[in-house]
Amino acid sequence: LLKRARVALDRDIIFAGVADEESGSNK
């Protein structure tokens, strides 16, 4: 939505969809 709306950002926004949290996050 931010990309579509061309919102001017003053800091980067990162998305992290990660593996393995349910077994300790190591992977």
mmCIF file of all heavy atoms, coordinates in Angstrom:
data_MODEL
# 
_entry.id   MODEL 
# 
loop_
_atom_site.group_PDB 
_atom_site.id 
_atom_site.type_symbol 
_atom_site.label_atom_id 
_atom_site.label_alt_id 
_atom_site.label_comp_id 
_atom_site.label_asym_id 
_atom_site.label_entity_id 
_atom_site.label_seq_id 
_atom_site.pdbx_PDB_ins_code 
_atom_site.Cartn_x 
_atom_site.Cartn_y 
_atom_site.Cartn_z 
_atom_site.occupancy 
_atom_site.B_iso_or_equiv 
_atom_site.pdbx_formal_charge 
_atom_site.auth_seq_id 
_atom_site.auth_comp_id 
_atom_site.auth_asym_id 
_atom_site.auth_atom_id 
_atom_site.pdbx_PDB_model_num 
ATOM 1   N N   . LEU A 1 1  ? 0.820  -1.209  0.000   1.00 0.00 ? 1  LEU A N   1 
ATOM 2   C CA  . LEU A 1 1  ? 0.000  0.000   0.000   1.00 0.00 ? 1  LEU A CA  1 
ATOM 3   C C   . LEU A 1 1  ? 0.855  1.260   0.000   1.00 0.00 ? 1  LEU A C   1 
ATOM 4   O O   . LEU A 1 1  ? 0.527  2.246   -0.679  1.00 0.00 ? 1  LEU A O   1 
ATOM 5   C CB  . LEU A 1 1  ? -0.929 -0.007  1.213   1.00 0.00 ? 1  LEU A CB  1 
ATOM 6   C CG  . LEU A 1 1  ? -1.981 -1.127  1.245   1.00 0.00 ? 1  LEU A CG  1 
ATOM 7   C CD1 . LEU A 1 1  ? -2.759 -1.083  2.548   1.00 0.00 ? 1  LEU A CD1 1 
ATOM 8   C CD2 . LEU A 1 1  ? -2.935 -1.034  0.058   1.00 0.00 ? 1  LEU A CD2 1 
ATOM 9   N N   . LEU A 1 2  ? 1.942  1.260   0.747   1.00 0.00 ? 2  LEU A N   1 
ATOM 10  C CA  . LEU A 1 2  ? 2.833  2.417   0.751   1.00 0.00 ? 2  LEU A CA  1 
ATOM 11  C C   . LEU A 1 2  ? 3.464  2.627   -0.620  1.00 0.00 ? 2  LEU A C   1 
ATOM 12  O O   . LEU A 1 2  ? 3.624  3.766   -1.076  1.00 0.00 ? 2  LEU A O   1 
ATOM 13  C CB  . LEU A 1 2  ? 3.927  2.230   1.806   1.00 0.00 ? 2  LEU A CB  1 
ATOM 14  C CG  . LEU A 1 2  ? 3.470  2.286   3.272   1.00 0.00 ? 2  LEU A CG  1 
ATOM 15  C CD1 . LEU A 1 2  ? 4.582  1.827   4.193   1.00 0.00 ? 2  LEU A CD1 1 
ATOM 16  C CD2 . LEU A 1 2  ? 3.022  3.708   3.633   1.00 0.00 ? 2  LEU A CD2 1 
ATOM 17  N N   . LYS A 1 3  ? 3.802  1.530   -1.280  1.00 0.00 ? 3  LYS A N   1 
ATOM 18  C CA  . LYS A 1 3  ? 4.401  1.638   -2.619  1.00 0.00 ? 3  LYS A CA  1 
ATOM 19  C C   . LYS A 1 3  ? 3.367  2.181   -3.612  1.00 0.00 ? 3  LYS A C   1 
ATOM 20  O O   . LYS A 1 3  ? 3.671  3.070   -4.426  1.00 0.00 ? 3  LYS A O   1 
ATOM 21  C CB  . LYS A 1 3  ? 4.898  0.261   -3.069  1.00 0.00 ? 3  LYS A CB  1 
ATOM 22  C CG  . LYS A 1 3  ? 5.537  0.251   -4.469  1.00 0.00 ? 3  LYS A CG  1 
ATOM 23  C CD  . LYS A 1 3  ? 6.897  0.883   -4.456  1.00 0.00 ? 3  LYS A CD  1 
ATOM 24  C CE  . LYS A 1 3  ? 7.618  0.910   -5.782  1.00 0.00 ? 3  LYS A CE  1 
ATOM 25  N NZ  . LYS A 1 3  ? 7.247  0.005   -6.835  1.00 0.00 ? 3  LYS A NZ  1 
ATOM 26  N N   . ARG A 1 4  ? 2.153  1.664   -3.565  1.00 0.00 ? 4  ARG A N   1 
ATOM 27  C CA  . ARG A 1 4  ? 1.111  2.120   -4.492  1.00 0.00 ? 4  ARG A CA  1 
ATOM 28  C C   . ARG A 1 4  ? 0.787  3.603   -4.279  1.00 0.00 ? 4  ARG A C   1 
ATOM 29  O O   . ARG A 1 4  ? 0.544  4.336   -5.243  1.00 0.00 ? 4  ARG A O   1 
ATOM 30  C CB  . ARG A 1 4  ? -0.158 1.285   -4.296  1.00 0.00 ? 4  ARG A CB  1 
ATOM 31  C CG  . ARG A 1 4  ? -0.064 -0.143  -4.798  1.00 0.00 ? 4  ARG A CG  1 
ATOM 32  C CD  . ARG A 1 4  ? -1.355 -0.891  -4.472  1.00 0.00 ? 4  ARG A CD  1 
ATOM 33  N NE  . ARG A 1 4  ? -1.275 -2.291  -4.853  1.00 0.00 ? 4  ARG A NE  1 
ATOM 34  C CZ  . ARG A 1 4  ? -2.211 -3.202  -4.529  1.00 0.00 ? 4  ARG A CZ  1 
ATOM 35  N NH1 . ARG A 1 4  ? -3.279 -2.824  -3.829  1.00 0.00 ? 4  ARG A NH1 1 
ATOM 36  N NH2 . ARG A 1 4  ? -2.074 -4.451  -4.899  1.00 0.00 ? 4  ARG A NH2 1 
ATOM 37  N N   . ALA A 1 5  ? 0.773  4.013   -3.010  1.00 0.00 ? 5  ALA A N   1 
ATOM 38  C CA  . ALA A 1 5  ? 0.426  5.397   -2.690  1.00 0.00 ? 5  ALA A CA  1 
ATOM 39  C C   . ALA A 1 5  ? 1.594  6.357   -2.889  1.00 0.00 ? 5  ALA A C   1 
ATOM 40  O O   . ALA A 1 5  ? 1.431  7.567   -2.720  1.00 0.00 ? 5  ALA A O   1 
ATOM 41  C CB  . ALA A 1 5  ? -0.081 5.479   -1.254  1.00 0.00 ? 5  ALA A CB  1 
ATOM 42  N N   . ARG A 1 6  ? 2.758  5.802   -3.225  1.00 0.00 ? 6  ARG A N   1 
ATOM 43  C CA  . ARG A 1 6  ? 3.970  6.609   -3.436  1.00 0.00 ? 6  ARG A CA  1 
ATOM 44  C C   . ARG A 1 6  ? 4.266  7.500   -2.212  1.00 0.00 ? 6  ARG A C   1 
ATOM 45  O O   . ARG A 1 6  ? 4.611  8.673   -2.346  1.00 0.00 ? 6  ARG A O   1 
ATOM 46  C CB  . ARG A 1 6  ? 3.859  7.456   -4.695  1.00 0.00 ? 6  ARG A CB  1 
ATOM 47  C CG  . ARG A 1 6  ? 3.732  6.645   -5.974  1.00 0.00 ? 6  ARG A CG  1 
ATOM 48  C CD  . ARG A 1 6  ? 3.746  7.565   -7.198  1.00 0.00 ? 6  ARG A CD  1 
ATOM 49  N NE  . ARG A 1 6  ? 3.718  6.805   -8.438  1.00 0.00 ? 6  ARG A NE  1 
ATOM 50  C CZ  . ARG A 1 6  ? 2.605  6.413   -9.062  1.00 0.00 ? 6  ARG A CZ  1 
ATOM 51  N NH1 . ARG A 1 6  ? 1.423  6.728   -8.522  1.00 0.00 ? 6  ARG A NH1 1 
ATOM 52  N NH2 . ARG A 1 6  ? 2.659  5.733   -10.193 1.00 0.00 ? 6  ARG A NH2 1 
ATOM 53  N N   . VAL A 1 7  ? 4.081  6.921   -1.029  1.00 0.00 ? 7  VAL A N   1 
ATOM 54  C CA  . VAL A 1 7  ? 4.358  7.671   0.191   1.00 0.00 ? 7  VAL A CA  1 
ATOM 55  C C   . VAL A 1 7  ? 5.861  7.944   0.279   1.00 0.00 ? 7  VAL A C   1 
ATOM 56  O O   . VAL A 1 7  ? 6.679  7.034   0.159   1.00 0.00 ? 7  VAL A O   1 
ATOM 57  C CB  . VAL A 1 7  ? 3.879  6.897   1.432   1.00 0.00 ? 7  VAL A CB  1 
ATOM 58  C CG1 . VAL A 1 7  ? 4.288  7.616   2.713   1.00 0.00 ? 7  VAL A CG1 1 
ATOM 59  C CG2 . VAL A 1 7  ? 2.366  6.700   1.389   1.00 0.00 ? 7  VAL A CG2 1 
ATOM 60  N N   . ALA A 1 8  ? 6.223  9.204   0.464   1.00 0.00 ? 8  ALA A N   1 
ATOM 61  C CA  . ALA A 1 8  ? 7.632  9.582   0.612   1.00 0.00 ? 8  ALA A CA  1 
ATOM 62  C C   . ALA A 1 8  ? 8.088  9.225   2.021   1.00 0.00 ? 8  ALA A C   1 
ATOM 63  O O   . ALA A 1 8  ? 7.534  9.724   3.001   1.00 0.00 ? 8  ALA A O   1 
ATOM 64  C CB  . ALA A 1 8  ? 7.811  11.065  0.343   1.00 0.00 ? 8  ALA A CB  1 
ATOM 65  N N   . LEU A 1 9  ? 9.095  8.381   2.124   1.00 0.00 ? 9  LEU A N   1 
ATOM 66  C CA  . LEU A 1 9  ? 9.553  7.875   3.411   1.00 0.00 ? 9  LEU A CA  1 
ATOM 67  C C   . LEU A 1 9  ? 10.812 8.604   3.870   1.00 0.00 ? 9  LEU A C   1 
ATOM 68  O O   . LEU A 1 9  ? 11.654 8.983   3.052   1.00 0.00 ? 9  LEU A O   1 
ATOM 69  C CB  . LEU A 1 9  ? 9.853  6.380   3.315   1.00 0.00 ? 9  LEU A CB  1 
ATOM 70  C CG  . LEU A 1 9  ? 8.710  5.485   2.817   1.00 0.00 ? 9  LEU A CG  1 
ATOM 71  C CD1 . LEU A 1 9  ? 9.205  4.061   2.646   1.00 0.00 ? 9  LEU A CD1 1 
ATOM 72  C CD2 . LEU A 1 9  ? 7.526  5.529   3.780   1.00 0.00 ? 9  LEU A CD2 1 
ATOM 73  N N   . ASP A 1 10 ? 10.938 8.767   5.200   1.00 0.00 ? 10 ASP A N   1 
ATOM 74  C CA  . ASP A 1 10 ? 12.178 9.336   5.714   1.00 0.00 ? 10 ASP A CA  1 
ATOM 75  C C   . ASP A 1 10 ? 13.038 8.279   6.408   1.00 0.00 ? 10 ASP A C   1 
ATOM 76  O O   . ASP A 1 10 ? 14.061 8.588   6.991   1.00 0.00 ? 10 ASP A O   1 
ATOM 77  C CB  . ASP A 1 10 ? 11.926 10.524  6.644   1.00 0.00 ? 10 ASP A CB  1 
ATOM 78  C CG  . ASP A 1 10 ? 11.297 10.121  7.973   1.00 0.00 ? 10 ASP A CG  1 
ATOM 79  O OD1 . ASP A 1 10 ? 10.955 8.932   8.148   1.00 0.00 ? 10 ASP A OD1 1 
ATOM 80  O OD2 . ASP A 1 10 ? 11.155 11.000  8.840   1.00 0.00 ? 10 ASP A OD2 1 
ATOM 81  N N   . ARG A 1 11 ? 12.593 7.035   6.356   1.00 0.00 ? 11 ARG A N   1 
ATOM 82  C CA  . ARG A 1 11 ? 13.414 5.903   6.791   1.00 0.00 ? 11 ARG A CA  1 
ATOM 83  C C   . ARG A 1 11 ? 13.007 4.671   5.981   1.00 0.00 ? 11 ARG A C   1 
ATOM 84  O O   . ARG A 1 11 ? 11.855 4.578   5.524   1.00 0.00 ? 11 ARG A O   1 
ATOM 85  C CB  . ARG A 1 11 ? 13.271 5.642   8.298   1.00 0.00 ? 11 ARG A CB  1 
ATOM 86  C CG  . ARG A 1 11 ? 11.921 5.124   8.716   1.00 0.00 ? 11 ARG A CG  1 
ATOM 87  C CD  . ARG A 1 11 ? 11.937 4.696   10.193  1.00 0.00 ? 11 ARG A CD  1 
ATOM 88  N NE  . ARG A 1 11 ? 11.825 5.836   11.114  1.00 0.00 ? 11 ARG A NE  1 
ATOM 89  C CZ  . ARG A 1 11 ? 12.598 5.985   12.169  1.00 0.00 ? 11 ARG A CZ  1 
ATOM 90  N NH1 . ARG A 1 11 ? 13.548 5.091   12.438  1.00 0.00 ? 11 ARG A NH1 1 
ATOM 91  N NH2 . ARG A 1 11 ? 12.438 7.036   12.972  1.00 0.00 ? 11 ARG A NH2 1 
ATOM 92  N N   . ASP A 1 12 ? 13.934 3.757   5.772   1.00 0.00 ? 12 ASP A N   1 
ATOM 93  C CA  . ASP A 1 12 ? 13.613 2.520   5.062   1.00 0.00 ? 12 ASP A CA  1 
ATOM 94  C C   . ASP A 1 12 ? 12.624 1.698   5.878   1.00 0.00 ? 12 ASP A C   1 
ATOM 95  O O   . ASP A 1 12 ? 12.641 1.715   7.117   1.00 0.00 ? 12 ASP A O   1 
ATOM 96  C CB  . ASP A 1 12 ? 14.864 1.677   4.833   1.00 0.00 ? 12 ASP A CB  1 
ATOM 97  C CG  . ASP A 1 12 ? 15.785 2.240   3.759   1.00 0.00 ? 12 ASP A CG  1 
ATOM 98  O OD1 . ASP A 1 12 ? 15.530 3.363   3.287   1.00 0.00 ? 12 ASP A OD1 1 
ATOM 99  O OD2 . ASP A 1 12 ? 16.762 1.548   3.411   1.00 0.00 ? 12 ASP A OD2 1 
ATOM 100 N N   . ILE A 1 13 ? 11.787 0.952   5.167   1.00 0.00 ? 13 ILE A N   1 
ATOM 101 C CA  . ILE A 1 13 ? 10.900 -0.025  5.797   1.00 0.00 ? 13 ILE A CA  1 
ATOM 102 C C   . ILE A 1 13 ? 11.272 -1.394  5.255   1.00 0.00 ? 13 ILE A C   1 
ATOM 103 O O   . ILE A 1 13 ? 11.316 -1.605  4.036   1.00 0.00 ? 13 ILE A O   1 
ATOM 104 C CB  . ILE A 1 13 ? 9.421  0.273   5.515   1.00 0.00 ? 13 ILE A CB  1 
ATOM 105 C CG1 . ILE A 1 13 ? 9.053  1.681   6.008   1.00 0.00 ? 13 ILE A CG1 1 
ATOM 106 C CG2 . ILE A 1 13 ? 8.533  -0.767  6.186   1.00 0.00 ? 13 ILE A CG2 1 
ATOM 107 C CD1 . ILE A 1 13 ? 7.654  2.107   5.620   1.00 0.00 ? 13 ILE A CD1 1 
ATOM 108 N N   . ILE A 1 14 ? 11.548 -2.318  6.149   1.00 0.00 ? 14 ILE A N   1 
ATOM 109 C CA  . ILE A 1 14 ? 11.957 -3.674  5.781   1.00 0.00 ? 14 ILE A CA  1 
ATOM 110 C C   . ILE A 1 14 ? 10.862 -4.650  6.202   1.00 0.00 ? 14 ILE A C   1 
ATOM 111 O O   . ILE A 1 14 ? 10.280 -4.524  7.286   1.00 0.00 ? 14 ILE A O   1 
ATOM 112 C CB  . ILE A 1 14 ? 13.276 -4.061  6.474   1.00 0.00 ? 14 ILE A CB  1 
ATOM 113 C CG1 . ILE A 1 14 ? 14.375 -3.049  6.168   1.00 0.00 ? 14 ILE A CG1 1 
ATOM 114 C CG2 . ILE A 1 14 ? 13.721 -5.463  6.060   1.00 0.00 ? 14 ILE A CG2 1 
ATOM 115 C CD1 . ILE A 1 14 ? 15.624 -3.238  7.023   1.00 0.00 ? 14 ILE A CD1 1 
ATOM 116 N N   . PHE A 1 15 ? 10.578 -5.599  5.340   1.00 0.00 ? 15 PHE A N   1 
ATOM 117 C CA  . PHE A 1 15 ? 9.715  -6.724  5.684   1.00 0.00 ? 15 PHE A CA  1 
ATOM 118 C C   . PHE A 1 15 ? 10.569 -7.978  5.737   1.00 0.00 ? 15 PHE A C   1 
ATOM 119 O O   . PHE A 1 15 ? 11.350 -8.241  4.812   1.00 0.00 ? 15 PHE A O   1 
ATOM 120 C CB  . PHE A 1 15 ? 8.600  -6.908  4.658   1.00 0.00 ? 15 PHE A CB  1 
ATOM 121 C CG  . PHE A 1 15 ? 7.901  -8.245  4.759   1.00 0.00 ? 15 PHE A CG  1 
ATOM 122 C CD1 . PHE A 1 15 ? 6.865  -8.426  5.654   1.00 0.00 ? 15 PHE A CD1 1 
ATOM 123 C CD2 . PHE A 1 15 ? 8.294  -9.320  3.968   1.00 0.00 ? 15 PHE A CD2 1 
ATOM 124 C CE1 . PHE A 1 15 ? 6.229  -9.654  5.759   1.00 0.00 ? 15 PHE A CE1 1 
ATOM 125 C CE2 . PHE A 1 15 ? 7.666  -10.556 4.065   1.00 0.00 ? 15 PHE A CE2 1 
ATOM 126 C CZ  . PHE A 1 15 ? 6.631  -10.725 4.961   1.00 0.00 ? 15 PHE A CZ  1 
ATOM 127 N N   . ALA A 1 16 ? 10.448 -8.759  6.806   1.00 0.00 ? 16 ALA A N   1 
ATOM 128 C CA  . ALA A 1 16 ? 11.145 -10.042 6.911   1.00 0.00 ? 16 ALA A CA  1 
ATOM 129 C C   . ALA A 1 16 ? 10.128 -11.128 7.226   1.00 0.00 ? 16 ALA A C   1 
ATOM 130 O O   . ALA A 1 16 ? 9.510  -11.117 8.293   1.00 0.00 ? 16 ALA A O   1 
ATOM 131 C CB  . ALA A 1 16 ? 12.225 -9.991  7.986   1.00 0.00 ? 16 ALA A CB  1 
ATOM 132 N N   . GLY A 1 17 ? 9.936  -12.044 6.273   1.00 0.00 ? 17 GLY A N   1 
ATOM 133 C CA  . GLY A 1 17 ? 9.127  -13.234 6.501   1.00 0.00 ? 17 GLY A CA  1 
ATOM 134 C C   . GLY A 1 17 ? 10.093 -14.390 6.706   1.00 0.00 ? 17 GLY A C   1 
ATOM 135 O O   . GLY A 1 17 ? 10.740 -14.822 5.757   1.00 0.00 ? 17 GLY A O   1 
ATOM 136 N N   . VAL A 1 18 ? 10.194 -14.881 7.945   1.00 0.00 ? 18 VAL A N   1 
ATOM 137 C CA  . VAL A 1 18 ? 11.326 -15.729 8.301   1.00 0.00 ? 18 VAL A CA  1 
ATOM 138 C C   . VAL A 1 18 ? 10.913 -17.159 8.616   1.00 0.00 ? 18 VAL A C   1 
ATOM 139 O O   . VAL A 1 18 ? 9.765  -17.449 8.960   1.00 0.00 ? 18 VAL A O   1 
ATOM 140 C CB  . VAL A 1 18 ? 12.098 -15.140 9.498   1.00 0.00 ? 18 VAL A CB  1 
ATOM 141 C CG1 . VAL A 1 18 ? 12.613 -13.751 9.164   1.00 0.00 ? 18 VAL A CG1 1 
ATOM 142 C CG2 . VAL A 1 18 ? 11.228 -15.097 10.752  1.00 0.00 ? 18 VAL A CG2 1 
ATOM 143 N N   . ALA A 1 19 ? 11.898 -18.026 8.518   1.00 0.00 ? 19 ALA A N   1 
ATOM 144 C CA  . ALA A 1 19 ? 11.742 -19.439 8.842   1.00 0.00 ? 19 ALA A CA  1 
ATOM 145 C C   . ALA A 1 19 ? 12.012 -19.685 10.324  1.00 0.00 ? 19 ALA A C   1 
ATOM 146 O O   . ALA A 1 19 ? 12.608 -18.859 11.010  1.00 0.00 ? 19 ALA A O   1 
ATOM 147 C CB  . ALA A 1 19 ? 12.712 -20.264 7.995   1.00 0.00 ? 19 ALA A CB  1 
ATOM 148 N N   . ASP A 1 20 ? 11.523 -20.812 10.813  1.00 0.00 ? 20 ASP A N   1 
ATOM 149 C CA  . ASP A 1 20 ? 12.071 -21.508 11.983  1.00 0.00 ? 20 ASP A CA  1 
ATOM 150 C C   . ASP A 1 20 ? 11.846 -20.870 13.339  1.00 0.00 ? 20 ASP A C   1 
ATOM 151 O O   . ASP A 1 20 ? 12.436 -21.318 14.319  1.00 0.00 ? 20 ASP A O   1 
ATOM 152 C CB  . ASP A 1 20 ? 13.582 -21.741 11.782  1.00 0.00 ? 20 ASP A CB  1 
ATOM 153 C CG  . ASP A 1 20 ? 14.131 -22.820 12.708  1.00 0.00 ? 20 ASP A CG  1 
ATOM 154 O OD1 . ASP A 1 20 ? 13.446 -23.834 12.900  1.00 0.00 ? 20 ASP A OD1 1 
ATOM 155 O OD2 . ASP A 1 20 ? 15.231 -22.629 13.260  1.00 0.00 ? 20 ASP A OD2 1 
ATOM 156 N N   . GLU A 1 21 ? 10.967 -19.888 13.486  1.00 0.00 ? 21 GLU A N   1 
ATOM 157 C CA  . GLU A 1 21 ? 10.775 -19.305 14.819  1.00 0.00 ? 21 GLU A CA  1 
ATOM 158 C C   . GLU A 1 21 ? 10.261 -20.341 15.804  1.00 0.00 ? 21 GLU A C   1 
ATOM 159 O O   . GLU A 1 21 ? 10.630 -20.325 16.993  1.00 0.00 ? 21 GLU A O   1 
ATOM 160 C CB  . GLU A 1 21 ? 9.802  -18.123 14.730  1.00 0.00 ? 21 GLU A CB  1 
ATOM 161 C CG  . GLU A 1 21 ? 9.724  -17.288 15.996  1.00 0.00 ? 21 GLU A CG  1 
ATOM 162 C CD  . GLU A 1 21 ? 8.718  -17.785 17.022  1.00 0.00 ? 21 GLU A CD  1 
ATOM 163 O OE1 . GLU A 1 21 ? 7.884  -18.674 16.685  1.00 0.00 ? 21 GLU A OE1 1 
ATOM 164 O OE2 . GLU A 1 21 ? 8.745  -17.312 18.170  1.00 0.00 ? 21 GLU A OE2 1 
ATOM 165 N N   . GLU A 1 22 ? 9.436  -21.264 15.334  1.00 0.00 ? 22 GLU A N   1 
ATOM 166 C CA  . GLU A 1 22 ? 8.823  -22.223 16.238  1.00 0.00 ? 22 GLU A CA  1 
ATOM 167 C C   . GLU A 1 22 ? 9.811  -23.255 16.783  1.00 0.00 ? 22 GLU A C   1 
ATOM 168 O O   . GLU A 1 22 ? 9.476  -23.989 17.721  1.00 0.00 ? 22 GLU A O   1 
ATOM 169 C CB  . GLU A 1 22 ? 7.654  -22.947 15.542  1.00 0.00 ? 22 GLU A CB  1 
ATOM 170 C CG  . GLU A 1 22 ? 6.506  -22.042 15.120  1.00 0.00 ? 22 GLU A CG  1 
ATOM 171 C CD  . GLU A 1 22 ? 5.733  -21.459 16.301  1.00 0.00 ? 22 GLU A CD  1 
ATOM 172 O OE1 . GLU A 1 22 ? 6.105  -21.737 17.455  1.00 0.00 ? 22 GLU A OE1 1 
ATOM 173 O OE2 . GLU A 1 22 ? 4.766  -20.723 16.062  1.00 0.00 ? 22 GLU A OE2 1 
ATOM 174 N N   . SER A 1 23 ? 11.003 -23.324 16.224  1.00 0.00 ? 23 SER A N   1 
ATOM 175 C CA  . SER A 1 23 ? 12.019 -24.259 16.734  1.00 0.00 ? 23 SER A CA  1 
ATOM 176 C C   . SER A 1 23 ? 13.278 -23.554 17.194  1.00 0.00 ? 23 SER A C   1 
ATOM 177 O O   . SER A 1 23 ? 14.350 -24.158 17.245  1.00 0.00 ? 23 SER A O   1 
ATOM 178 C CB  . SER A 1 23 ? 12.360 -25.309 15.661  1.00 0.00 ? 23 SER A CB  1 
ATOM 179 O OG  . SER A 1 23 ? 11.284 -26.183 15.453  1.00 0.00 ? 23 SER A OG  1 
ATOM 180 N N   . GLY A 1 24 ? 13.185 -22.258 17.499  1.00 0.00 ? 24 GLY A N   1 
ATOM 181 C CA  . GLY A 1 24 ? 14.317 -21.564 18.077  1.00 0.00 ? 24 GLY A CA  1 
ATOM 182 C C   . GLY A 1 24 ? 14.911 -20.455 17.249  1.00 0.00 ? 24 GLY A C   1 
ATOM 183 O O   . GLY A 1 24 ? 15.843 -19.783 17.689  1.00 0.00 ? 24 GLY A O   1 
ATOM 184 N N   . SER A 1 25 ? 14.465 -20.284 15.994  1.00 0.00 ? 25 SER A N   1 
ATOM 185 C CA  . SER A 1 25 ? 14.862 -19.163 15.118  1.00 0.00 ? 25 SER A CA  1 
ATOM 186 C C   . SER A 1 25 ? 16.242 -19.312 14.480  1.00 0.00 ? 25 SER A C   1 
ATOM 187 O O   . SER A 1 25 ? 16.673 -18.434 13.725  1.00 0.00 ? 25 SER A O   1 
ATOM 188 C CB  . SER A 1 25 ? 14.824 -17.816 15.881  1.00 0.00 ? 25 SER A CB  1 
ATOM 189 O OG  . SER A 1 25 ? 13.564 -17.581 16.445  1.00 0.00 ? 25 SER A OG  1 
ATOM 190 N N   . ASN A 1 26 ? 16.953 -20.407 14.753  1.00 0.00 ? 26 ASN A N   1 
ATOM 191 C CA  . ASN A 1 26 ? 18.323 -20.517 14.251  1.00 0.00 ? 26 ASN A CA  1 
ATOM 192 C C   . ASN A 1 26 ? 18.406 -20.548 12.731  1.00 0.00 ? 26 ASN A C   1 
ATOM 193 O O   . ASN A 1 26 ? 19.376 -20.053 12.147  1.00 0.00 ? 26 ASN A O   1 
ATOM 194 C CB  . ASN A 1 26 ? 18.993 -21.762 14.835  1.00 0.00 ? 26 ASN A CB  1 
ATOM 195 C CG  . ASN A 1 26 ? 19.291 -21.614 16.311  1.00 0.00 ? 26 ASN A CG  1 
ATOM 196 O OD1 . ASN A 1 26 ? 19.733 -20.563 16.773  1.00 0.00 ? 26 ASN A OD1 1 
ATOM 197 N ND2 . ASN A 1 26 ? 19.014 -22.654 17.087  1.00 0.00 ? 26 ASN A ND2 1 
ATOM 198 N N   . LYS A 1 27 ? 17.394 -21.117 12.080  1.00 0.00 ? 27 LYS A N   1 
ATOM 199 C CA  . LYS A 1 27 ? 17.413 -21.211 10.620  1.00 0.00 ? 27 LYS A CA  1 
ATOM 200 C C   . LYS A 1 27 ? 16.669 -20.061 9.953   1.00 0.00 ? 27 LYS A C   1 
ATOM 201 O O   . LYS A 1 27 ? 16.524 -20.042 8.739   1.00 0.00 ? 27 LYS A O   1 
ATOM 202 C CB  . LYS A 1 27 ? 16.821 -22.556 10.178  1.00 0.00 ? 27 LYS A CB  1 
ATOM 203 C CG  . LYS A 1 27 ? 17.638 -23.743 10.673  1.00 0.00 ? 27 LYS A CG  1 
ATOM 204 C CD  . LYS A 1 27 ? 16.952 -25.069 10.381  1.00 0.00 ? 27 LYS A CD  1 
ATOM 205 C CE  . LYS A 1 27 ? 17.754 -26.222 10.982  1.00 0.00 ? 27 LYS A CE  1 
ATOM 206 N NZ  . LYS A 1 27 ? 17.075 -27.522 10.801  1.00 0.00 ? 27 LYS A NZ  1 
# 
